[in-house]
C-alpha atoms as a PDB file:
ATOM      1  CA  UNK A   1     -53.289  10.448 -56.692  1.00  0.00           C
ATOM      2  CA  UNK A   2     -52.573   9.242 -53.143  1.00  0.00           C
ATOM      3  CA  UNK A   3     -54.353  11.415 -50.557  1.00  0.00           C
ATOM      4  CA  UNK A   4     -53.868  10.617 -46.867  1.00  0.00           C
ATOM      5  CA  UNK A   5     -55.690  11.843 -43.786  1.00  0.00           C
ATOM      6  CA  UNK A   6     -52.691  14.006 -42.928  1.00  0.00           C
ATOM      7  CA  UNK A   7     -53.187  15.842 -46.233  1.00  0.00           C
ATOM      8  CA  UNK A   8     -56.820  16.533 -45.412  1.00  0.00           C
ATOM      9  CA  UNK A   9     -55.900  17.776 -41.942  1.00  0.00           C
ATOM     10  CA  UNK A  10     -53.318  20.038 -43.567  1.00  0.00           C
ATOM     11  CA  UNK A  11     -55.907  21.580 -45.903  1.00  0.00           C
ATOM     12  CA  UNK A  12     -58.259  22.134 -42.982  1.00  0.00           C
ATOM     13  CA  UNK A  13     -55.508  23.798 -40.948  1.00  0.00           C
ATOM     14  CA  UNK A  14     -54.449  26.033 -43.848  1.00  0.00           C
ATOM     15  CA  UNK A  15     -58.013  27.198 -44.423  1.00  0.00           C
ATOM     16  CA  UNK A  16     -58.756  27.836 -40.749  1.00  0.00           C
ATOM     17  CA  UNK A  17     -55.501  29.566 -39.773  1.00  0.00           C
ATOM     18  CA  UNK A  18     -54.783  31.473 -42.990  1.00  0.00           C
ATOM     19  CA  UNK A  19     -51.024  30.998 -42.873  1.00  0.00           C
ATOM     20  CA  UNK A  20     -48.422  28.276 -43.324  1.00  0.00           C
ATOM     21  CA  UNK A  21     -46.706  29.013 -40.006  1.00  0.00           C
ATOM     22  CA  UNK A  22     -49.950  28.921 -37.995  1.00  0.00           C
ATOM     23  CA  UNK A  23     -51.048  25.716 -39.735  1.00  0.00           C
ATOM     24  CA  UNK A  24     -47.691  24.092 -38.932  1.00  0.00           C
ATOM     25  CA  UNK A  25     -48.063  25.061 -35.263  1.00  0.00           C
ATOM     26  CA  UNK A  26     -51.563  23.603 -35.138  1.00  0.00           C
ATOM     27  CA  UNK A  27     -50.384  20.335 -36.703  1.00  0.00           C
ATOM     28  CA  UNK A  28     -47.320  20.151 -34.417  1.00  0.00           C
ATOM     29  CA  UNK A  29     -44.964  20.261 -37.421  1.00  0.00           C
ATOM     30  CA  UNK A  30     -42.104  22.510 -38.367  1.00  0.00           C
ATOM     31  CA  UNK A  31     -42.920  24.949 -41.143  1.00  0.00           C
ATOM     32  CA  UNK A  32     -40.275  23.250 -43.287  1.00  0.00           C
ATOM     33  CA  UNK A  33     -41.852  19.799 -42.806  1.00  0.00           C
ATOM     34  CA  UNK A  34     -45.284  21.144 -43.691  1.00  0.00           C
ATOM     35  CA  UNK A  35     -43.918  22.863 -46.810  1.00  0.00           C
ATOM     36  CA  UNK A  36     -42.353  19.587 -47.966  1.00  0.00           C
ATOM     37  CA  UNK A  37     -45.624  17.733 -47.379  1.00  0.00           C
ATOM     38  CA  UNK A  38     -47.585  20.277 -49.424  1.00  0.00           C
ATOM     39  CA  UNK A  39     -45.043  20.323 -52.250  1.00  0.00           C
ATOM     40  CA  UNK A  40     -45.148  16.523 -52.491  1.00  0.00           C
ATOM     41  CA  UNK A  41     -48.938  16.607 -52.756  1.00  0.00           C
ATOM     42  CA  UNK A  42     -48.809  19.417 -55.323  1.00  0.00           C
ATOM     43  CA  UNK A  43     -46.363  17.334 -57.335  1.00  0.00           C
ATOM     44  CA  UNK A  44     -48.900  14.492 -57.437  1.00  0.00           C
ATOM     45  CA  UNK A  45     -51.681  16.860 -58.481  1.00  0.00           C
ATOM     46  CA  UNK A  46     -49.451  18.811 -60.857  1.00  0.00           C
ATOM     47  CA  UNK A  47     -51.134  21.943 -59.533  1.00  0.00           C
ATOM     48  CA  UNK A  48     -50.615  24.396 -56.645  1.00  0.00           C
ATOM     49  CA  UNK A  49     -52.860  24.143 -53.580  1.00  0.00           C
ATOM     50  CA  UNK A  50     -52.604  27.759 -52.445  1.00  0.00           C
ATOM     51  CA  UNK A  51     -51.524  31.099 -53.902  1.00  0.00           C
ATOM     52  CA  UNK A  52     -48.005  31.958 -52.796  1.00  0.00           C
ATOM     53  CA  UNK A  53     -47.468  35.356 -51.170  1.00  0.00           C
ATOM     54  CA  UNK A  54     -51.198  35.785 -50.494  1.00  0.00           C
ATOM     55  CA  UNK A  55     -52.086  37.329 -47.103  1.00  0.00           C
ATOM     56  CA  UNK A  56     -54.121  35.775 -45.675  1.00  0.00           C
ATOM     57  CA  UNK A  57     -53.399  32.500 -47.429  1.00  0.00           C
ATOM     58  CA  UNK A  58     -55.800  31.804 -50.329  1.00  0.00           C
ATOM     59  CA  UNK A  59     -56.512  28.292 -51.615  1.00  0.00           C
ATOM     60  CA  UNK A  60     -56.595  27.525 -55.333  1.00  0.00           C
ATOM     61  CA  UNK A  61     -59.492  25.645 -56.959  1.00  0.00           C
ATOM     62  CA  UNK A  62     -57.599  22.392 -56.381  1.00  0.00           C
ATOM     63  CA  UNK A  63     -57.005  23.361 -52.766  1.00  0.00           C
ATOM     64  CA  UNK A  64     -60.679  24.229 -52.290  1.00  0.00           C
ATOM     65  CA  UNK A  65     -61.671  20.831 -53.674  1.00  0.00           C
ATOM     66  CA  UNK A  66     -59.403  19.024 -51.217  1.00  0.00           C
ATOM     67  CA  UNK A  67     -60.720  21.235 -48.408  1.00  0.00           C
ATOM     68  CA  UNK A  68     -64.279  20.204 -49.325  1.00  0.00           C
ATOM     69  CA  UNK A  69     -63.172  16.549 -49.152  1.00  0.00           C
ATOM     70  CA  UNK A  70     -61.570  17.179 -45.744  1.00  0.00           C
ATOM     71  CA  UNK A  71     -64.769  18.760 -44.427  1.00  0.00           C
ATOM     72  CA  UNK A  72     -66.709  15.662 -45.470  1.00  0.00           C
ATOM     73  CA  UNK A  73     -64.242  12.956 -44.434  1.00  0.00           C
ATOM     74  CA  UNK A  74     -62.583  14.180 -41.221  1.00  0.00           C
ATOM     75  CA  UNK A  75     -65.787  14.448 -39.134  1.00  0.00           C
ATOM     76  CA  UNK A  76     -66.654  10.866 -40.137  1.00  0.00           C
ATOM     77  CA  UNK A  77     -63.186   9.647 -39.159  1.00  0.00           C
ATOM     78  CA  UNK A  78     -63.405  11.408 -35.782  1.00  0.00           C
ATOM     79  CA  UNK A  79     -66.867   9.971 -35.140  1.00  0.00           C
ATOM     80  CA  UNK A  80     -65.607   6.464 -35.902  1.00  0.00           C
ATOM     81  CA  UNK A  81     -62.570   6.958 -33.650  1.00  0.00           C
ATOM     82  CA  UNK A  82     -64.794   7.990 -30.741  1.00  0.00           C
ATOM     83  CA  UNK A  83     -67.130   5.039 -31.320  1.00  0.00           C
ATOM     84  CA  UNK A  84     -64.219   2.597 -31.386  1.00  0.00           C
ATOM     85  CA  UNK A  85     -62.881   4.018 -28.148  1.00  0.00           C
ATOM     86  CA  UNK A  86     -66.278   3.647 -26.495  1.00  0.00           C
ATOM     87  CA  UNK A  87     -66.514   0.025 -27.660  1.00  0.00           C
ATOM     88  CA  UNK A  88     -63.048  -0.723 -26.329  1.00  0.00           C
ATOM     89  CA  UNK A  89     -63.171   1.016 -22.969  1.00  0.00           C
ATOM     90  CA  UNK A  90     -66.822   1.016 -22.036  1.00  0.00           C
ATOM     91  CA  UNK A  91     -66.064   4.208 -20.093  1.00  0.00           C
ATOM     92  CA  UNK A  92     -68.420   7.154 -19.975  1.00  0.00           C
ATOM     93  CA  UNK A  93     -65.992   9.592 -18.416  1.00  0.00           C
ATOM     94  CA  UNK A  94     -66.514  12.661 -16.257  1.00  0.00           C
ATOM     95  CA  UNK A  95     -65.351  16.213 -16.914  1.00  0.00           C
ATOM     96  CA  UNK A  96     -65.699  18.571 -13.954  1.00  0.00           C
ATOM     97  CA  UNK A  97     -63.986  21.839 -14.875  1.00  0.00           C
ATOM     98  CA  UNK A  98     -62.853  24.796 -12.755  1.00  0.00           C
ATOM     99  CA  UNK A  99     -61.591  28.065 -14.234  1.00  0.00           C
ATOM    100  CA  UNK A 100     -59.407  30.707 -12.640  1.00  0.00           C
ATOM    101  CA  UNK A 101     -59.733  32.982 -15.667  1.00  0.00           C
ATOM    102  CA  UNK A 102     -63.159  34.675 -15.803  1.00  0.00           C
ATOM    103  CA  UNK A 103     -62.533  35.999 -19.313  1.00  0.00           C
ATOM    104  CA  UNK A 104     -62.190  32.372 -20.474  1.00  0.00           C
ATOM    105  CA  UNK A 105     -65.983  32.035 -20.531  1.00  0.00           C
ATOM    106  CA  UNK A 106     -65.947  33.564 -24.030  1.00  0.00           C
ATOM    107  CA  UNK A 107     -64.343  30.469 -25.578  1.00  0.00           C
ATOM    108  CA  UNK A 108     -65.025  27.831 -22.922  1.00  0.00           C
ATOM    109  CA  UNK A 109     -68.822  27.840 -23.099  1.00  0.00           C
ATOM    110  CA  UNK A 110     -69.089  27.276 -26.888  1.00  0.00           C
ATOM    111  CA  UNK A 111     -66.329  24.655 -26.631  1.00  0.00           C
ATOM    112  CA  UNK A 112     -68.353  22.795 -23.990  1.00  0.00           C
ATOM    113  CA  UNK A 113     -71.481  23.029 -26.158  1.00  0.00           C
ATOM    114  CA  UNK A 114     -69.696  21.393 -29.092  1.00  0.00           C
ATOM    115  CA  UNK A 115     -68.129  18.776 -26.833  1.00  0.00           C
ATOM    116  CA  UNK A 116     -71.533  17.765 -25.423  1.00  0.00           C
ATOM    117  CA  UNK A 117     -72.755  16.985 -28.935  1.00  0.00           C
ATOM    118  CA  UNK A 118     -69.738  14.752 -29.577  1.00  0.00           C
ATOM    119  CA  UNK A 119     -69.591  13.074 -26.167  1.00  0.00           C
ATOM    120  CA  UNK A 120     -73.152  13.171 -24.776  1.00  0.00           C
ATOM    121  CA  UNK A 121     -72.393  10.362 -22.316  1.00  0.00           C
ATOM    122  CA  UNK A 122     -69.628  12.334 -20.536  1.00  0.00           C
ATOM    123  CA  UNK A 123     -70.904  13.983 -17.374  1.00  0.00           C
ATOM    124  CA  UNK A 124     -69.913  17.669 -17.372  1.00  0.00           C
ATOM    125  CA  UNK A 125     -69.917  20.418 -14.776  1.00  0.00           C
ATOM    126  CA  UNK A 126     -68.317  23.864 -14.501  1.00  0.00           C
ATOM    127  CA  UNK A 127     -67.378  26.081 -11.582  1.00  0.00           C
ATOM    128  CA  UNK A 128     -65.260  29.143 -10.910  1.00  0.00           C
ATOM    129  CA  UNK A 129     -62.486  28.927  -8.355  1.00  0.00           C
ATOM    130  CA  UNK A 130     -63.099  32.212  -6.554  1.00  0.00           C
ATOM    131  CA  UNK A 131     -63.845  30.510  -3.215  1.00  0.00           C
ATOM    132  CA  UNK A 132     -61.372  27.589  -3.176  1.00  0.00           C
ATOM    133  CA  UNK A 133     -57.969  26.476  -4.429  1.00  0.00           C
ATOM    134  CA  UNK A 134     -58.716  24.279  -7.467  1.00  0.00           C
ATOM    135  CA  UNK A 135     -55.368  22.521  -8.052  1.00  0.00           C
ATOM    136  CA  UNK A 136     -55.341  20.561  -4.761  1.00  0.00           C
ATOM    137  CA  UNK A 137     -59.004  19.712  -5.472  1.00  0.00           C
ATOM    138  CA  UNK A 138     -57.898  18.381  -8.868  1.00  0.00           C
ATOM    139  CA  UNK A 139     -55.219  16.213  -7.234  1.00  0.00           C
ATOM    140  CA  UNK A 140     -57.816  14.832  -4.806  1.00  0.00           C
ATOM    141  CA  UNK A 141     -60.091  13.823  -7.689  1.00  0.00           C
ATOM    142  CA  UNK A 142     -62.820  16.380  -6.944  1.00  0.00           C
ATOM    143  CA  UNK A 143     -62.189  18.084 -10.311  1.00  0.00           C
ATOM    144  CA  UNK A 144     -60.983  16.744 -13.666  1.00  0.00           C
ATOM    145  CA  UNK A 145     -59.589  19.836 -15.395  1.00  0.00           C
ATOM    146  CA  UNK A 146     -58.511  23.284 -14.205  1.00  0.00           C
ATOM    147  CA  UNK A 147     -57.927  26.212 -16.571  1.00  0.00           C
ATOM    148  CA  UNK A 148     -55.117  28.148 -14.903  1.00  0.00           C
ATOM    149  CA  UNK A 149     -52.043  30.304 -15.412  1.00  0.00           C
ATOM    150  CA  UNK A 150     -50.600  29.152 -12.069  1.00  0.00           C
ATOM    151  CA  UNK A 151     -48.495  26.059 -12.757  1.00  0.00           C
ATOM    152  CA  UNK A 152     -47.838  24.578  -9.311  1.00  0.00           C
ATOM    153  CA  UNK A 153     -45.568  21.565  -8.811  1.00  0.00           C
ATOM    154  CA  UNK A 154     -48.132  19.000  -7.619  1.00  0.00           C
ATOM    155  CA  UNK A 155     -47.406  15.298  -7.987  1.00  0.00           C
ATOM    156  CA  UNK A 156     -49.595  13.561 -10.546  1.00  0.00           C
ATOM    157  CA  UNK A 157     -50.745  16.759 -12.300  1.00  0.00           C
ATOM    158  CA  UNK A 158     -49.969  17.359 -15.988  1.00  0.00           C
ATOM    159  CA  UNK A 159     -50.091  20.889 -17.426  1.00  0.00           C
ATOM    160  CA  UNK A 160     -51.234  21.035 -21.045  1.00  0.00           C
ATOM    161  CA  UNK A 161     -50.220  24.343 -22.652  1.00  0.00           C
ATOM    162  CA  UNK A 162     -53.203  26.123 -24.213  1.00  0.00           C
ATOM    163  CA  UNK A 163     -51.690  29.403 -25.395  1.00  0.00           C
ATOM    164  CA  UNK A 164     -49.444  32.368 -24.595  1.00  0.00           C
ATOM    165  CA  UNK A 165     -50.996  35.745 -23.904  1.00  0.00           C
ATOM    166  CA  UNK A 166     -50.152  39.309 -22.968  1.00  0.00           C
ATOM    167  CA  UNK A 167     -52.069  41.213 -20.305  1.00  0.00           C
ATOM    168  CA  UNK A 168     -52.985  44.693 -21.542  1.00  0.00           C
ATOM    169  CA  UNK A 169     -54.473  47.707 -19.809  1.00  0.00           C
ATOM    170  CA  UNK A 170     -57.797  48.756 -21.317  1.00  0.00           C
ATOM    171  CA  UNK A 171     -58.736  52.431 -21.074  1.00  0.00           C
ATOM    172  CA  UNK A 172     -61.167  54.825 -22.712  1.00  0.00           C
ATOM    173  CA  UNK A 173     -60.036  56.308 -26.062  1.00  0.00           C
ATOM    174  CA  UNK A 174     -59.821  59.814 -24.559  1.00  0.00           C
ATOM    175  CA  UNK A 175     -57.991  58.740 -21.386  1.00  0.00           C
ATOM    176  CA  UNK A 176     -54.769  60.750 -20.789  1.00  0.00           C
ATOM    177  CA  UNK A 177     -52.760  57.509 -20.525  1.00  0.00           C
ATOM    178  CA  UNK A 178     -53.778  56.593 -24.090  1.00  0.00           C
ATOM    179  CA  UNK A 179     -50.958  58.832 -25.288  1.00  0.00           C
ATOM    180  CA  UNK A 180     -48.383  56.560 -23.590  1.00  0.00           C
ATOM    181  CA  UNK A 181     -46.609  53.776 -25.462  1.00  0.00           C
ATOM    182  CA  UNK A 182     -46.768  51.642 -22.304  1.00  0.00           C
ATOM    183  CA  UNK A 183     -48.017  51.886 -18.717  1.00  0.00           C
ATOM    184  CA  UNK A 184     -45.809  52.085 -15.624  1.00  0.00           C
ATOM    185  CA  UNK A 185     -47.071  50.871 -12.204  1.00  0.00           C
ATOM    186  CA  UNK A 186     -47.106  54.422 -10.848  1.00  0.00           C
ATOM    187  CA  UNK A 187     -49.589  55.463 -13.508  1.00  0.00           C
ATOM    188  CA  UNK A 188     -52.251  53.379 -11.767  1.00  0.00           C
ATOM    189  CA  UNK A 189     -51.843  55.048  -8.356  1.00  0.00           C
ATOM    190  CA  UNK A 190     -54.499  57.587  -9.331  1.00  0.00           C
ATOM    191  CA  UNK A 191     -56.782  55.166 -11.215  1.00  0.00           C
ATOM    192  CA  UNK A 192     -59.786  53.010 -10.370  1.00  0.00           C
ATOM    193  CA  UNK A 193     -58.801  49.474 -11.320  1.00  0.00           C
ATOM    194  CA  UNK A 194     -61.718  47.255 -12.367  1.00  0.00           C
ATOM    195  CA  UNK A 195     -61.164  43.525 -11.785  1.00  0.00           C
ATOM    196  CA  UNK A 196     -63.045  40.265 -11.522  1.00  0.00           C
ATOM    197  CA  UNK A 197     -64.103  39.403  -7.935  1.00  0.00           C
ATOM    198  CA  UNK A 198     -61.133  37.157  -7.179  1.00  0.00           C
ATOM    199  CA  UNK A 199     -58.228  37.335  -4.761  1.00  0.00           C
ATOM    200  CA  UNK A 200     -55.358  39.601  -5.741  1.00  0.00           C
ATOM    201  CA  UNK A 201     -52.920  36.702  -5.661  1.00  0.00           C
ATOM    202  CA  UNK A 202     -54.710  35.331  -8.741  1.00  0.00           C
ATOM    203  CA  UNK A 203     -54.434  38.523 -10.793  1.00  0.00           C
ATOM    204  CA  UNK A 204     -51.232  39.180 -12.769  1.00  0.00           C
ATOM    205  CA  UNK A 205     -51.780  42.927 -12.680  1.00  0.00           C
ATOM    206  CA  UNK A 206     -51.278  42.795  -8.896  1.00  0.00           C
ATOM    207  CA  UNK A 207     -48.797  39.937  -8.393  1.00  0.00           C
ATOM    208  CA  UNK A 208     -46.477  40.740 -11.295  1.00  0.00           C
ATOM    209  CA  UNK A 209     -46.982  44.454 -11.888  1.00  0.00           C
ATOM    210  CA  UNK A 210     -48.296  46.558  -8.987  1.00  0.00           C
ATOM    211  CA  UNK A 211     -47.162  44.680  -5.868  1.00  0.00           C
ATOM    212  CA  UNK A 212     -43.473  44.327  -6.916  1.00  0.00           C
ATOM    213  CA  UNK A 213     -43.442  48.113  -7.423  1.00  0.00           C
ATOM    214  CA  UNK A 214     -45.284  48.682  -4.102  1.00  0.00           C
ATOM    215  CA  UNK A 215     -48.036  50.581  -5.900  1.00  0.00           C
ATOM    216  CA  UNK A 216     -51.695  50.594  -4.878  1.00  0.00           C
ATOM    217  CA  UNK A 217     -54.435  51.815  -7.248  1.00  0.00           C
ATOM    218  CA  UNK A 218     -56.589  54.692  -6.010  1.00  0.00           C
ATOM    219  CA  UNK A 219     -59.589  52.347  -5.892  1.00  0.00           C
ATOM    220  CA  UNK A 220     -60.563  48.811  -6.888  1.00  0.00           C
ATOM    221  CA  UNK A 221     -63.977  47.961  -8.327  1.00  0.00           C
ATOM    222  CA  UNK A 222     -65.254  44.443  -9.015  1.00  0.00           C
ATOM    223  CA  UNK A 223     -67.520  43.026 -11.702  1.00  0.00           C
ATOM    224  CA  UNK A 224     -68.014  39.459 -12.950  1.00  0.00           C
ATOM    225  CA  UNK A 225     -68.778  40.371 -16.568  1.00  0.00           C
ATOM    226  CA  UNK A 226     -66.180  41.328 -19.169  1.00  0.00           C
ATOM    227  CA  UNK A 227     -68.814  43.306 -21.065  1.00  0.00           C
ATOM    228  CA  UNK A 228     -69.577  45.362 -17.957  1.00  0.00           C
ATOM    229  CA  UNK A 229     -65.856  46.021 -17.543  1.00  0.00           C
ATOM    230  CA  UNK A 230     -65.682  47.346 -21.092  1.00  0.00           C
ATOM    231  CA  UNK A 231     -68.710  49.597 -20.561  1.00  0.00           C
ATOM    232  CA  UNK A 232     -67.193  51.063 -17.399  1.00  0.00           C
ATOM    233  CA  UNK A 233     -63.820  51.569 -19.088  1.00  0.00           C
ATOM    234  CA  UNK A 234     -65.320  53.118 -22.229  1.00  0.00           C
ATOM    235  CA  UNK A 235     -67.294  55.591 -20.107  1.00  0.00           C
ATOM    236  CA  UNK A 236     -64.180  56.656 -18.192  1.00  0.00           C
ATOM    237  CA  UNK A 237     -65.169  55.018 -14.896  1.00  0.00           C
ATOM    238  CA  UNK A 238     -61.875  53.161 -14.544  1.00  0.00           C
ATOM    239  CA  UNK A 239     -59.293  50.948 -16.270  1.00  0.00           C
ATOM    240  CA  UNK A 240     -58.867  47.175 -16.354  1.00  0.00           C
ATOM    241  CA  UNK A 241     -56.186  44.614 -17.182  1.00  0.00           C
ATOM    242  CA  UNK A 242     -57.224  41.698 -19.399  1.00  0.00           C
ATOM    243  CA  UNK A 243     -55.563  39.178 -21.742  1.00  0.00           C
ATOM    244  CA  UNK A 244     -55.050  40.442 -25.292  1.00  0.00           C
ATOM    245  CA  UNK A 245     -57.443  37.879 -26.764  1.00  0.00           C
ATOM    246  CA  UNK A 246     -60.246  38.927 -24.399  1.00  0.00           C
ATOM    247  CA  UNK A 247     -59.904  42.535 -25.578  1.00  0.00           C
ATOM    248  CA  UNK A 248     -59.612  41.779 -29.290  1.00  0.00           C
ATOM    249  CA  UNK A 249     -63.258  42.306 -30.309  1.00  0.00           C
ATOM    250  CA  UNK A 250     -63.522  45.573 -28.339  1.00  0.00           C
ATOM    251  CA  UNK A 251     -60.311  46.916 -29.859  1.00  0.00           C
ATOM    252  CA  UNK A 252     -61.507  46.069 -33.366  1.00  0.00           C
ATOM    253  CA  UNK A 253     -64.642  48.149 -32.739  1.00  0.00           C
ATOM    254  CA  UNK A 254     -62.548  51.038 -31.286  1.00  0.00           C
ATOM    255  CA  UNK A 255     -64.619  50.671 -28.117  1.00  0.00           C
ATOM    256  CA  UNK A 256     -61.527  50.998 -25.904  1.00  0.00           C
ATOM    257  CA  UNK A 257     -57.793  51.530 -26.236  1.00  0.00           C
ATOM    258  CA  UNK A 258     -55.162  49.149 -24.874  1.00  0.00           C
ATOM    259  CA  UNK A 259     -51.573  49.644 -23.765  1.00  0.00           C
ATOM    260  CA  UNK A 260     -48.949  47.129 -22.639  1.00  0.00           C
ATOM    261  CA  UNK A 261     -47.998  46.966 -18.978  1.00  0.00           C
ATOM    262  CA  UNK A 262     -44.328  47.918 -18.689  1.00  0.00           C
ATOM    263  CA  UNK A 263     -41.831  48.510 -21.458  1.00  0.00           C
ATOM    264  CA  UNK A 264     -41.494  44.775 -22.191  1.00  0.00           C
ATOM    265  CA  UNK A 265     -45.153  43.938 -21.624  1.00  0.00           C
ATOM    266  CA  UNK A 266     -46.697  41.501 -19.141  1.00  0.00           C
ATOM    267  CA  UNK A 267     -46.712  38.033 -20.722  1.00  0.00           C
ATOM    268  CA  UNK A 268     -48.145  34.783 -19.421  1.00  0.00           C
ATOM    269  CA  UNK A 269     -49.295  31.270 -20.308  1.00  0.00           C
ATOM    270  CA  UNK A 270     -52.612  29.517 -19.865  1.00  0.00           C
ATOM    271  CA  UNK A 271     -52.725  25.794 -19.099  1.00  0.00           C
ATOM    272  CA  UNK A 272     -55.230  23.007 -18.726  1.00  0.00           C
ATOM    273  CA  UNK A 273     -54.241  21.124 -15.559  1.00  0.00           C
ATOM    274  CA  UNK A 274     -55.215  17.430 -15.701  1.00  0.00           C
ATOM    275  CA  UNK A 275     -54.416  14.341 -13.663  1.00  0.00           C
ATOM    276  CA  UNK A 276     -51.726  12.359 -15.482  1.00  0.00           C
ATOM    277  CA  UNK A 277     -53.730   9.128 -15.588  1.00  0.00           C
ATOM    278  CA  UNK A 278     -56.544  10.859 -17.497  1.00  0.00           C
ATOM    279  CA  UNK A 279     -54.474  12.913 -19.930  1.00  0.00           C
ATOM    280  CA  UNK A 280     -54.418  10.169 -22.608  1.00  0.00           C
ATOM    281  CA  UNK A 281     -58.123   9.351 -22.362  1.00  0.00           C
ATOM    282  CA  UNK A 282     -59.875   9.912 -25.706  1.00  0.00           C
ATOM    283  CA  UNK A 283     -62.694  11.950 -24.173  1.00  0.00           C
ATOM    284  CA  UNK A 284     -60.164  14.230 -22.472  1.00  0.00           C
ATOM    285  CA  UNK A 285     -57.969  14.673 -25.560  1.00  0.00           C
ATOM    286  CA  UNK A 286     -61.043  15.538 -27.611  1.00  0.00           C
ATOM    287  CA  UNK A 287     -61.986  18.279 -25.181  1.00  0.00           C
ATOM    288  CA  UNK A 288     -58.487  19.763 -25.321  1.00  0.00           C
ATOM    289  CA  UNK A 289     -58.571  19.736 -29.124  1.00  0.00           C
ATOM    290  CA  UNK A 290     -61.992  21.412 -29.244  1.00  0.00           C
ATOM    291  CA  UNK A 291     -60.847  24.038 -26.726  1.00  0.00           C
ATOM    292  CA  UNK A 292     -57.752  24.723 -28.848  1.00  0.00           C
ATOM    293  CA  UNK A 293     -59.891  25.214 -31.951  1.00  0.00           C
ATOM    294  CA  UNK A 294     -62.112  27.772 -30.228  1.00  0.00           C
ATOM    295  CA  UNK A 295     -59.080  29.556 -28.806  1.00  0.00           C
ATOM    296  CA  UNK A 296     -57.538  29.847 -32.272  1.00  0.00           C
ATOM    297  CA  UNK A 297     -60.801  31.154 -33.687  1.00  0.00           C
ATOM    298  CA  UNK A 298     -60.968  33.768 -30.971  1.00  0.00           C
ATOM    299  CA  UNK A 299     -57.439  34.973 -31.664  1.00  0.00           C
ATOM    300  CA  UNK A 300     -57.684  35.089 -35.502  1.00  0.00           C
END
């Protein structure tokens, strides 16, 4: 049997994502290419690696054994790769991060904790961008990474796609608007809109939903904490617009209801903005990979 690292990474991706299509996306392969890879490995083993038509995907005993091997081997390979990079470059690196998305704290903080254990020599810092424009600061070298949905054309800045999202309106389960299939801008003219304490130009609910329709909410209330937003919404003190992934755990608990903004929904993208000369650095690529893993976990 000839098992390669790519096979182990495939087993890890299958187990963590629970589907062939999601695993292919994680591995940057087409679903067809991943299927061919798995079939070739199954042919060597003369046994299936996962149960077909299972939802979510379920590994067989042979698949579980390979997954166990992947869990032992891949961390050792990654540790060796980092050590070799350190020996070659002698660079410690610096990772000063600014976020424009307050709800990103839910995945960013644990991602930073894991990253510190892997790269203890990299100097890290974190700030919100509520009082300054972070992308020009990134271009000037004052920051090293900006989490943003605002992709500005600035020379020397690379935008690494993190994920797509949909902004939803959260409201209490007994709110009259909960009977609507979607929310129109005019519906918010009599509502208290709860937002993070940032400028309106950085909030999709204003720039892409309310302002184009020339609609102003009855009142605007600010809070820095997502949990506080959910408590206010659940108690009928207002409504708020958040990314779908930030609302997921509250929707699962039936704490709030959520409706799309507009018939087609309000969709967006989140990026990690990085200076081009640092994008290929091993310590930077590792952070992006760790962030992606936590994002996927939060959306599963």
